[in-house]
Amino acid sequence: MTRADIEAMFKAVDASDWDAMARYVHPDVVYNRPGFPLLEGRDAFMRFYRDVRTLRGEHRFEGFAVQADAGACWGRFVGRQGDGSPVDVEFADCYEFKDGLLWRRKSHFFVPVA
C-alpha cells in the first residue's frame, strides 16, 4: 500500500463507501481498536464499519510514514458521534501490509485518561 492508498481508504470511510474501502483490505486482516474486541477477517472488519462504528465526519491527516510492508499515519478526526454529539480527536494508526493490502491495523486515540 502507498500513502495514496491509505488516503483513498480513509476517503471511502468518510463517504461510507464500503465497496471502495473493501478493495484495500486483505481477507485475513486483523484490526486492534481500543474499546472493541479484536476484529479478525475482512467480513468482521467491514461489518464493524457498516454496522457498529457510528462516527461520521472527516479524517484530516498530519503525516504519513510508509514502507513496502508497513506504515503509519496520524492526524485528527472531526465529525459527529451517532447521537449527534461533536467529536474532534487526534489519532494515529500503525499498519502492516500483505499482498499490497491492509493486513494488520492498530489504532491509537489521543484522549485524556486518569
Protein backbone atom coordinates (compact mmCIF):
# COMPACT_ATOMS: atom_id res chain seq x y z
CA MET A 1 0.00 0.00 0.00
CA THR A 2 1.05 3.55 -0.63
CA ARG A 3 0.22 6.84 1.02
CA ALA A 4 -2.32 7.42 -1.76
CA ASP A 5 -3.96 4.06 -0.98
CA ILE A 6 -4.24 4.92 2.72
CA GLU A 7 -5.74 8.32 1.91
CA ALA A 8 -8.21 6.72 -0.53
CA MET A 9 -9.19 4.13 2.07
CA PHE A 10 -10.00 6.86 4.59
CA LYS A 11 -11.90 8.90 1.99
CA ALA A 12 -14.02 5.80 1.44
CA VAL A 13 -14.60 5.56 5.22
CA ASP A 14 -15.60 9.23 5.40
CA ALA A 15 -18.01 8.75 2.47
CA SER A 16 -19.37 5.44 3.86
CA ASP A 17 -18.36 3.84 0.56
CA TRP A 18 -17.83 0.33 1.89
CA ASP A 19 -17.29 -1.27 -1.52
CA ALA A 20 -14.40 1.10 -2.22
CA MET A 21 -12.95 0.57 1.25
CA ALA A 22 -13.06 -3.23 0.97
CA ARG A 23 -10.69 -3.11 -2.02
CA TYR A 24 -7.84 -2.06 0.32
CA VAL A 25 -8.40 -4.76 2.95
CA HIS A 26 -6.69 -8.17 2.99
CA PRO A 27 -9.04 -11.14 3.53
CA ASP A 28 -7.10 -12.04 6.71
CA VAL A 29 -6.98 -8.51 8.16
CA VAL A 30 -6.69 -8.09 11.93
CA TYR A 31 -7.80 -4.77 13.46
CA ASN A 32 -7.00 -3.77 17.04
CA ARG A 33 -9.11 -0.76 18.07
CA PRO A 34 -9.43 0.48 21.67
CA GLY A 35 -12.76 -0.38 23.28
CA PHE A 36 -13.67 -3.14 20.83
CA PRO A 37 -12.89 -6.84 20.57
CA LEU A 38 -10.14 -7.78 18.14
CA LEU A 39 -11.58 -7.83 14.61
CA GLU A 40 -10.31 -10.72 12.51
CA GLY A 41 -11.06 -11.15 8.81
CA ARG A 42 -12.40 -8.85 6.11
CA ASP A 43 -16.04 -9.71 6.90
CA ALA A 44 -15.69 -8.73 10.58
CA PHE A 45 -13.72 -5.61 9.64
CA MET A 46 -16.32 -4.45 7.13
CA ARG A 47 -19.24 -5.36 9.44
CA PHE A 48 -17.68 -3.12 12.09
CA TYR A 49 -17.62 -0.17 9.69
CA ARG A 50 -21.09 -0.81 8.26
CA ASP A 51 -22.95 -1.75 11.43
CA VAL A 52 -21.05 -0.80 14.59
CA ARG A 53 -18.99 2.36 14.08
CA THR A 54 -21.36 5.33 14.38
CA LEU A 55 -18.88 8.15 13.77
CA ARG A 56 -19.44 10.33 10.72
CA GLY A 57 -17.04 13.04 9.66
CA GLU A 58 -13.64 13.64 8.15
CA HIS A 59 -10.12 12.36 8.73
CA ARG A 60 -7.57 15.17 8.48
CA PHE A 61 -4.02 13.92 8.06
CA GLU A 62 -0.92 15.49 9.54
CA GLY A 63 1.64 12.89 8.50
CA PHE A 64 2.49 9.55 6.96
CA ALA A 65 5.37 7.09 7.14
CA VAL A 66 5.04 4.29 4.60
CA GLN A 67 7.40 1.47 3.62
CA ALA A 68 6.84 -1.59 1.44
CA ASP A 69 5.41 -3.77 4.23
CA ALA A 70 4.43 -1.32 6.99
CA GLY A 71 3.24 2.19 7.58
CA ALA A 72 1.59 4.71 9.84
CA CYS A 73 -0.50 7.83 9.61
CA TRP A 74 -1.65 10.39 12.12
CA GLY A 75 -3.96 13.36 12.30
CA ARG A 76 -7.44 14.31 13.53
CA PHE A 77 -10.93 13.01 13.08
CA VAL A 78 -13.57 15.74 13.18
CA GLY A 79 -17.26 14.93 12.98
CA ARG A 80 -20.19 13.62 14.97
CA GLN A 81 -20.95 10.55 17.00
CA GLY A 82 -24.08 8.51 16.32
CA ASP A 83 -26.03 10.52 18.91
CA GLY A 84 -25.12 13.76 17.13
CA SER A 85 -22.59 14.97 19.67
CA PRO A 86 -19.42 16.51 18.21
CA VAL A 87 -16.11 14.66 18.15
CA ASP A 88 -12.66 16.06 17.49
CA VAL A 89 -9.91 13.58 18.36
CA GLU A 90 -6.29 13.05 17.42
CA PHE A 91 -5.47 9.58 16.11
CA ALA A 92 -2.55 7.50 14.93
CA ASP A 93 -2.73 4.23 13.02
CA CYS A 94 0.02 1.64 12.57
CA TYR A 95 -0.16 -0.82 9.68
CA GLU A 96 1.33 -3.96 8.25
CA PHE A 97 0.69 -4.78 4.60
CA LYS A 98 0.45 -8.11 2.81
CA ASP A 99 -0.05 -8.64 -0.91
CA GLY A 100 -0.36 -4.85 -1.27
CA LEU A 101 -3.35 -4.70 1.10
CA LEU A 102 -4.04 -3.70 4.70
CA TRP A 103 -3.25 -6.80 6.75
CA ARG A 104 -2.74 -5.55 10.33
CA ARG A 105 -4.03 -2.30 11.81
CA LYS A 106 -3.78 -0.82 15.28
CA SER A 107 -5.48 2.48 16.10
CA HIS A 108 -4.47 4.88 18.86
CA PHE A 109 -6.56 7.83 20.08
CA PHE A 110 -5.26 10.82 22.00
CA VAL A 111 -7.80 11.14 24.81
CA PRO A 112 -7.48 12.05 28.47
CA VAL A 113 -7.04 9.23 30.96
CA ALA A 114 -6.78 9.36 34.71
